[in-house]
Structures are given as C-alpha cells and as structure tokens.
C-alpha cells in the first residue's frame, strides 16, 4: 500500500467513525486537543496524524487504532 492510499483510507475511516459516533469536526478537535484545521486536513486527505494525535482521536472516538489506520499491509 502506498502512503497516498493510507491517507485516503484513514480519511474515509475517520469520516465514517465521526458520523457513527455523531461528533462534529469542532467537537472532535476540542476533545482531542487538536485544531479544527488539523481535523479538516485529515478529512481532506492532506495529512496523517502523529502517533499522539492518532491515540487522542481513538480515545475521543472510542475506537481502536485499527479502526482508523489499516495494519494489514506494508507501506511503500
């Protein structure tokens, strides 16, 4: 899997999980200690989160890392 594919999958999984738990970008940003523009960049497939941000997102969304980031393939 390429890094671009990983970013796409992460963004789609984040969007789906946010919808599932009914949380807005603003709420997620505030609770995860991130800026709204950072959440927007994730959702627009511009960047991946740091490990710290990923863990904070998972805590707020009550999900596992594997729910947001695929771990079934190497990244090329």
PDB file of N, CA and C in Angstrom:
ATOM      1  N   UNK A   1       0.853  -1.168   0.000  1.00  0.00           N
ATOM      2  CA  UNK A   1       0.000   0.000   0.000  1.00  0.00           C
ATOM      3  C   UNK A   1       0.902   1.235   0.000  1.00  0.00           C
ATOM      4  N   UNK A   2       0.527   2.222  -0.766  1.00  0.00           N
ATOM      5  CA  UNK A   2       1.294   3.465  -0.813  1.00  0.00           C
ATOM      6  C   UNK A   2       0.843   4.398   0.314  1.00  0.00           C
ATOM      7  N   UNK A   3       1.650   5.401   0.588  1.00  0.00           N
ATOM      8  CA  UNK A   3       1.290   6.369   1.620  1.00  0.00           C
ATOM      9  C   UNK A   3       0.026   7.139   1.218  1.00  0.00           C
ATOM     10  N   UNK A   4      -0.132   7.406  -0.059  1.00  0.00           N
ATOM     11  CA  UNK A   4      -1.331   8.099  -0.549  1.00  0.00           C
ATOM     12  C   UNK A   4      -2.574   7.248  -0.275  1.00  0.00           C
ATOM     13  N   UNK A   5      -2.475   5.945  -0.529  1.00  0.00           N
ATOM     14  CA  UNK A   5      -3.604   5.048  -0.245  1.00  0.00           C
ATOM     15  C   UNK A   5      -3.910   5.021   1.252  1.00  0.00           C
ATOM     16  N   UNK A   6      -2.873   5.024   2.072  1.00  0.00           N
ATOM     17  CA  UNK A   6      -3.058   5.038   3.521  1.00  0.00           C
ATOM     18  C   UNK A   6      -3.783   6.303   3.968  1.00  0.00           C
ATOM     19  N   UNK A   7      -3.384   7.429   3.428  1.00  0.00           N
ATOM     20  CA  UNK A   7      -4.043   8.699   3.766  1.00  0.00           C
ATOM     21  C   UNK A   7      -5.515   8.658   3.365  1.00  0.00           C
ATOM     22  N   UNK A   8      -5.799   8.135   2.187  1.00  0.00           N
ATOM     23  CA  UNK A   8      -7.187   8.022   1.718  1.00  0.00           C
ATOM     24  C   UNK A   8      -8.018   7.140   2.660  1.00  0.00           C
ATOM     25  N   UNK A   9      -7.471   5.993   3.010  1.00  0.00           N
ATOM     26  CA  UNK A   9      -8.193   5.070   3.885  1.00  0.00           C
ATOM     27  C   UNK A   9      -8.419   5.697   5.251  1.00  0.00           C
ATOM     28  N   UNK A  10      -7.377   6.334   5.798  1.00  0.00           N
ATOM     29  CA  UNK A  10      -7.514   6.979   7.105  1.00  0.00           C
ATOM     30  C   UNK A  10      -8.616   8.038   7.083  1.00  0.00           C
ATOM     31  N   UNK A  11      -8.609   8.893   6.074  1.00  0.00           N
ATOM     32  CA  UNK A  11      -9.608   9.964   5.981  1.00  0.00           C
ATOM     33  C   UNK A  11     -11.021   9.397   5.900  1.00  0.00           C
ATOM     34  N   UNK A  12     -11.191   8.383   5.070  1.00  0.00           N
ATOM     35  CA  UNK A  12     -12.515   7.771   4.937  1.00  0.00           C
ATOM     36  C   UNK A  12     -12.956   7.106   6.240  1.00  0.00           C
ATOM     37  N   UNK A  13     -12.033   6.406   6.904  1.00  0.00           N
ATOM     38  CA  UNK A  13     -12.366   5.761   8.177  1.00  0.00           C
ATOM     39  C   UNK A  13     -12.681   6.781   9.259  1.00  0.00           C
ATOM     40  N   UNK A  14     -11.930   7.879   9.288  1.00  0.00           N
ATOM     41  CA  UNK A  14     -12.191   8.929  10.270  1.00  0.00           C
ATOM     42  C   UNK A  14     -13.571   9.533  10.045  1.00  0.00           C
ATOM     43  N   UNK A  15     -13.886   9.844   8.802  1.00  0.00           N
ATOM     44  CA  UNK A  15     -15.193  10.426   8.473  1.00  0.00           C
ATOM     45  C   UNK A  15     -16.329   9.487   8.884  1.00  0.00           C
ATOM     46  N   UNK A  16     -16.186   8.203   8.558  1.00  0.00           N
ATOM     47  CA  UNK A  16     -17.205   7.211   8.901  1.00  0.00           C
ATOM     48  C   UNK A  16     -17.364   7.097  10.421  1.00  0.00           C
ATOM     49  N   UNK A  17     -16.257   7.042  11.141  1.00  0.00           N
ATOM     50  CA  UNK A  17     -16.311   6.899  12.599  1.00  0.00           C
ATOM     51  C   UNK A  17     -16.913   8.143  13.244  1.00  0.00           C
ATOM     52  N   UNK A  18     -16.563   9.310  12.750  1.00  0.00           N
ATOM     53  CA  UNK A  18     -17.160  10.549  13.271  1.00  0.00           C
ATOM     54  C   UNK A  18     -18.671  10.530  13.068  1.00  0.00           C
ATOM     55  N   UNK A  19     -19.103  10.107  11.889  1.00  0.00           N
ATOM     56  CA  UNK A  19     -20.537  10.037  11.600  1.00  0.00           C
ATOM     57  C   UNK A  19     -21.213   9.026  12.515  1.00  0.00           C
ATOM     58  N   UNK A  20     -20.555   7.889  12.725  1.00  0.00           N
ATOM     59  CA  UNK A  20     -21.108   6.827  13.556  1.00  0.00           C
ATOM     60  C   UNK A  20     -21.317   7.275  15.009  1.00  0.00           C
ATOM     61  N   UNK A  21     -20.362   8.039  15.536  1.00  0.00           N
ATOM     62  CA  UNK A  21     -20.486   8.498  16.929  1.00  0.00           C
ATOM     63  C   UNK A  21     -21.128   9.881  17.029  1.00  0.00           C
ATOM     64  N   UNK A  22     -21.484  10.425  15.871  1.00  0.00           N
ATOM     65  CA  UNK A  22     -22.186  11.714  15.808  1.00  0.00           C
ATOM     66  C   UNK A  22     -21.409  12.844  16.500  1.00  0.00           C
ATOM     67  N   UNK A  23     -20.195  13.060  16.005  1.00  0.00           N
ATOM     68  CA  UNK A  23     -19.364  14.135  16.530  1.00  0.00           C
ATOM     69  C   UNK A  23     -18.932  15.038  15.381  1.00  0.00           C
ATOM     70  N   UNK A  24     -18.941  16.321  15.617  1.00  0.00           N
ATOM     71  CA  UNK A  24     -18.546  17.284  14.584  1.00  0.00           C
ATOM     72  C   UNK A  24     -17.026  17.463  14.581  1.00  0.00           C
ATOM     73  N   UNK A  25     -16.543  18.088  13.529  1.00  0.00           N
ATOM     74  CA  UNK A  25     -15.115  18.394  13.452  1.00  0.00           C
ATOM     75  C   UNK A  25     -14.689  19.265  14.619  1.00  0.00           C
ATOM     76  N   UNK A  26     -15.496  20.259  14.938  1.00  0.00           N
ATOM     77  CA  UNK A  26     -15.161  21.179  16.027  1.00  0.00           C
ATOM     78  C   UNK A  26     -15.113  20.452  17.371  1.00  0.00           C
ATOM     79  N   UNK A  27     -16.091  19.600  17.618  1.00  0.00           N
ATOM     80  CA  UNK A  27     -16.114  18.846  18.879  1.00  0.00           C
ATOM     81  C   UNK A  27     -14.921  17.900  18.970  1.00  0.00           C
ATOM     82  N   UNK A  28     -14.643  17.202  17.877  1.00  0.00           N
ATOM     83  CA  UNK A  28     -13.530  16.267  17.861  1.00  0.00           C
ATOM     84  C   UNK A  28     -12.216  17.005  18.104  1.00  0.00           C
ATOM     85  N   UNK A  29     -12.034  18.109  17.435  1.00  0.00           N
ATOM     86  CA  UNK A  29     -10.810  18.893  17.608  1.00  0.00           C
ATOM     87  C   UNK A  29     -10.638  19.318  19.064  1.00  0.00           C
ATOM     88  N   UNK A  30     -11.689  19.856  19.654  1.00  0.00           N
ATOM     89  CA  UNK A  30     -11.610  20.333  21.031  1.00  0.00           C
ATOM     90  C   UNK A  30     -11.292  19.199  21.991  1.00  0.00           C
ATOM     91  N   UNK A  31     -12.008  18.092  21.874  1.00  0.00           N
ATOM     92  CA  UNK A  31     -11.832  16.979  22.807  1.00  0.00           C
ATOM     93  C   UNK A  31     -10.494  16.267  22.621  1.00  0.00           C
ATOM     94  N   UNK A  32      -9.976  16.249  21.398  1.00  0.00           N
ATOM     95  CA  UNK A  32      -8.709  15.563  21.122  1.00  0.00           C
ATOM     96  C   UNK A  32      -7.499  16.481  21.287  1.00  0.00           C
ATOM     97  N   UNK A  33      -7.736  17.751  21.578  1.00  0.00           N
ATOM     98  CA  UNK A  33      -6.636  18.692  21.752  1.00  0.00           C
ATOM     99  C   UNK A  33      -5.955  19.068  20.454  1.00  0.00           C
ATOM    100  N   UNK A  34      -6.739  19.103  19.378  1.00  0.00           N
ATOM    101  CA  UNK A  34      -6.232  19.450  18.055  1.00  0.00           C
ATOM    102  C   UNK A  34      -6.969  20.675  17.535  1.00  0.00           C
ATOM    103  N   UNK A  35      -6.438  21.292  16.496  1.00  0.00           N
ATOM    104  CA  UNK A  35      -7.135  22.425  15.896  1.00  0.00           C
ATOM    105  C   UNK A  35      -8.170  21.913  14.892  1.00  0.00           C
ATOM    106  N   UNK A  36      -9.161  22.731  14.638  1.00  0.00           N
ATOM    107  CA  UNK A  36     -10.165  22.370  13.636  1.00  0.00           C
ATOM    108  C   UNK A  36      -9.519  22.241  12.257  1.00  0.00           C
ATOM    109  N   UNK A  37      -8.518  23.064  11.986  1.00  0.00           N
ATOM    110  CA  UNK A  37      -7.854  22.978  10.679  1.00  0.00           C
ATOM    111  C   UNK A  37      -7.096  21.659  10.531  1.00  0.00           C
ATOM    112  N   UNK A  38      -6.584  21.124  11.615  1.00  0.00           N
ATOM    113  CA  UNK A  38      -5.910  19.829  11.562  1.00  0.00           C
ATOM    114  C   UNK A  38      -6.903  18.732  11.208  1.00  0.00           C
ATOM    115  N   UNK A  39      -8.062  18.725  11.865  1.00  0.00           N
ATOM    116  CA  UNK A  39      -9.098  17.737  11.552  1.00  0.00           C
ATOM    117  C   UNK A  39      -9.516  17.884  10.091  1.00  0.00           C
ATOM    118  N   UNK A  40      -9.659  19.119   9.640  1.00  0.00           N
ATOM    119  CA  UNK A  40     -10.034  19.378   8.250  1.00  0.00           C
ATOM    120  C   UNK A  40      -8.991  18.810   7.289  1.00  0.00           C
ATOM    121  N   UNK A  41      -7.715  18.956   7.613  1.00  0.00           N
ATOM    122  CA  UNK A  41      -6.650  18.413   6.759  1.00  0.00           C
ATOM    123  C   UNK A  41      -6.697  16.897   6.712  1.00  0.00           C
ATOM    124  N   UNK A  42      -7.021  16.267   7.849  1.00  0.00           N
ATOM    125  CA  UNK A  42      -7.169  14.806   7.851  1.00  0.00           C
ATOM    126  C   UNK A  42      -8.305  14.388   6.926  1.00  0.00           C
ATOM    127  N   UNK A  43      -9.444  15.058   7.059  1.00  0.00           N
ATOM    128  CA  UNK A  43     -10.634  14.681   6.287  1.00  0.00           C
ATOM    129  C   UNK A  43     -10.505  15.006   4.803  1.00  0.00           C
ATOM    130  N   UNK A  44      -9.688  15.999   4.474  1.00  0.00           N
ATOM    131  CA  UNK A  44      -9.494  16.349   3.062  1.00  0.00           C
ATOM    132  C   UNK A  44      -8.307  15.593   2.444  1.00  0.00           C
ATOM    133  N   UNK A  45      -7.820  14.605   3.183  1.00  0.00           N
ATOM    134  CA  UNK A  45      -6.774  13.698   2.694  1.00  0.00           C
ATOM    135  C   UNK A  45      -5.463  14.411   2.391  1.00  0.00           C
ATOM    136  N   UNK A  46      -5.136  15.384   3.242  1.00  0.00           N
ATOM    137  CA  UNK A  46      -3.891  16.135   3.079  1.00  0.00           C
ATOM    138  C   UNK A  46      -2.772  15.639   3.980  1.00  0.00           C
ATOM    139  N   UNK A  47      -3.122  14.986   5.101  1.00  0.00           N
ATOM    140  CA  UNK A  47      -2.069  14.546   6.016  1.00  0.00           C
ATOM    141  C   UNK A  47      -2.545  13.429   6.926  1.00  0.00           C
ATOM    142  N   UNK A  48      -1.571  12.752   7.523  1.00  0.00           N
ATOM    143  CA  UNK A  48      -1.834  11.726   8.529  1.00  0.00           C
ATOM    144  C   UNK A  48      -1.560  12.310   9.911  1.00  0.00           C
ATOM    145  N   UNK A  49      -2.192  11.768  10.932  1.00  0.00           N
ATOM    146  CA  UNK A  49      -1.945  12.270  12.283  1.00  0.00           C
ATOM    147  C   UNK A  49      -0.618  11.758  12.841  1.00  0.00           C
ATOM    148  N   UNK A  50      -0.090  12.470  13.807  1.00  0.00           N
ATOM    149  CA  UNK A  50       1.044  11.966  14.567  1.00  0.00           C
ATOM    150  C   UNK A  50       0.533  10.819  15.434  1.00  0.00           C
ATOM    151  N   UNK A  51       1.434  10.077  16.030  1.00  0.00           N
ATOM    152  CA  UNK A  51       1.021   8.979  16.910  1.00  0.00           C
ATOM    153  C   UNK A  51       0.202   9.537  18.075  1.00  0.00           C
ATOM    154  N   UNK A  52       0.650  10.636  18.653  1.00  0.00           N
ATOM    155  CA  UNK A  52      -0.075  11.272  19.760  1.00  0.00           C
ATOM    156  C   UNK A  52      -1.487  11.651  19.329  1.00  0.00           C
ATOM    157  N   UNK A  53      -1.612  12.300  18.180  1.00  0.00           N
ATOM    158  CA  UNK A  53      -2.923  12.719  17.687  1.00  0.00           C
ATOM    159  C   UNK A  53      -3.809  11.512  17.394  1.00  0.00           C
ATOM    160  N   UNK A  54      -3.221  10.462  16.815  1.00  0.00           N
ATOM    161  CA  UNK A  54      -3.983   9.249  16.499  1.00  0.00           C
ATOM    162  C   UNK A  54      -4.553   8.623  17.774  1.00  0.00           C
ATOM    163  N   UNK A  55      -3.744   8.523  18.798  1.00  0.00           N
ATOM    164  CA  UNK A  55      -4.213   7.957  20.064  1.00  0.00           C
ATOM    165  C   UNK A  55      -5.306   8.824  20.668  1.00  0.00           C
ATOM    166  N   UNK A  56      -5.120  10.132  20.642  1.00  0.00           N
ATOM    167  CA  UNK A  56      -6.153  11.031  21.176  1.00  0.00           C
ATOM    168  C   UNK A  56      -7.458  10.913  20.395  1.00  0.00           C
ATOM    169  N   UNK A  57      -7.363  10.793  19.085  1.00  0.00           N
ATOM    170  CA  UNK A  57      -8.567  10.613  18.272  1.00  0.00           C
ATOM    171  C   UNK A  57      -9.281   9.328  18.659  1.00  0.00           C
ATOM    172  N   UNK A  58      -8.522   8.264  18.826  1.00  0.00           N
ATOM    173  CA  UNK A  58      -9.123   6.973  19.187  1.00  0.00           C
ATOM    174  C   UNK A  58      -9.797   7.022  20.549  1.00  0.00           C
ATOM    175  N   UNK A  59      -9.192   7.715  21.505  1.00  0.00           N
ATOM    176  CA  UNK A  59      -9.799   7.837  22.841  1.00  0.00           C
ATOM    177  C   UNK A  59     -11.118   8.592  22.734  1.00  0.00           C
ATOM    178  N   UNK A  60     -11.105   9.711  22.039  1.00  0.00           N
ATOM    179  CA  UNK A  60     -12.319  10.528  21.906  1.00  0.00           C
ATOM    180  C   UNK A  60     -13.404   9.777  21.138  1.00  0.00           C
ATOM    181  N   UNK A  61     -13.014   9.069  20.083  1.00  0.00           N
ATOM    182  CA  UNK A  61     -13.979   8.351  19.249  1.00  0.00           C
ATOM    183  C   UNK A  61     -14.331   6.969  19.796  1.00  0.00           C
ATOM    184  N   UNK A  62     -13.657   6.581  20.876  1.00  0.00           N
ATOM    185  CA  UNK A  62     -13.882   5.270  21.498  1.00  0.00           C
ATOM    186  C   UNK A  62     -13.718   4.143  20.472  1.00  0.00           C
ATOM    187  N   UNK A  63     -12.580   4.188  19.776  1.00  0.00           N
ATOM    188  CA  UNK A  63     -12.306   3.171  18.763  1.00  0.00           C
ATOM    189  C   UNK A  63     -10.864   2.701  18.890  1.00  0.00           C
ATOM    190  N   UNK A  64     -10.540   1.641  18.184  1.00  0.00           N
ATOM    191  CA  UNK A  64      -9.170   1.124  18.151  1.00  0.00           C
ATOM    192  C   UNK A  64      -8.405   1.775  17.004  1.00  0.00           C
ATOM    193  N   UNK A  65      -7.087   1.784  17.128  1.00  0.00           N
ATOM    194  CA  UNK A  65      -6.239   2.339  16.073  1.00  0.00           C
ATOM    195  C   UNK A  65      -6.558   1.662  14.736  1.00  0.00           C
ATOM    196  N   UNK A  66      -6.798   0.355  14.781  1.00  0.00           N
ATOM    197  CA  UNK A  66      -7.087  -0.396  13.560  1.00  0.00           C
ATOM    198  C   UNK A  66      -8.388   0.043  12.885  1.00  0.00           C
ATOM    199  N   UNK A  67      -9.257   0.707  13.629  1.00  0.00           N
ATOM    200  CA  UNK A  67     -10.489   1.234  13.034  1.00  0.00           C
ATOM    201  C   UNK A  67     -10.204   2.435  12.129  1.00  0.00           C
ATOM    202  N   UNK A  68      -9.085   3.115  12.377  1.00  0.00           N
ATOM    203  CA  UNK A  68      -8.736   4.298  11.590  1.00  0.00           C
ATOM    204  C   UNK A  68      -7.587   4.058  10.619  1.00  0.00           C
ATOM    205  N   UNK A  69      -6.609   3.266  11.040  1.00  0.00           N
ATOM    206  CA  UNK A  69      -5.421   3.024  10.233  1.00  0.00           C
ATOM    207  C   UNK A  69      -5.329   1.537   9.914  1.00  0.00           C
ATOM    208  N   UNK A  70      -5.266   1.175   8.640  1.00  0.00           N
ATOM    209  CA  UNK A  70      -5.130  -0.250   8.310  1.00  0.00           C
ATOM    210  C   UNK A  70      -3.744  -0.761   8.694  1.00  0.00           C
ATOM    211  N   UNK A  71      -3.705  -1.947   9.249  1.00  0.00           N
ATOM    212  CA  UNK A  71      -2.430  -2.525   9.669  1.00  0.00           C
ATOM    213  C   UNK A  71      -2.186  -3.880   9.003  1.00  0.00           C
ATOM    214  N   UNK A  72      -2.798  -4.094   7.862  1.00  0.00           N
ATOM    215  CA  UNK A  72      -2.716  -5.395   7.191  1.00  0.00           C
ATOM    216  C   UNK A  72      -1.689  -5.447   6.065  1.00  0.00           C
ATOM    217  N   UNK A  73      -0.980  -4.360   5.804  1.00  0.00           N
ATOM    218  CA  UNK A  73      -0.058  -4.333   4.686  1.00  0.00           C
ATOM    219  C   UNK A  73       1.092  -3.381   4.977  1.00  0.00           C
ATOM    220  N   UNK A  74       2.227  -3.628   4.355  1.00  0.00           N
ATOM    221  CA  UNK A  74       3.355  -2.720   4.465  1.00  0.00           C
ATOM    222  C   UNK A  74       3.074  -1.447   3.680  1.00  0.00           C
ATOM    223  N   UNK A  75       3.687  -0.363   4.102  1.00  0.00           N
ATOM    224  CA  UNK A  75       3.536   0.909   3.397  1.00  0.00           C
ATOM    225  C   UNK A  75       4.795   1.115   2.559  1.00  0.00           C
ATOM    226  N   UNK A  76       4.586   1.352   1.277  1.00  0.00           N
ATOM    227  CA  UNK A  76       5.729   1.524   0.381  1.00  0.00           C
ATOM    228  C   UNK A  76       5.987   2.982   0.090  1.00  0.00           C
TER     229      UNK A  76
END
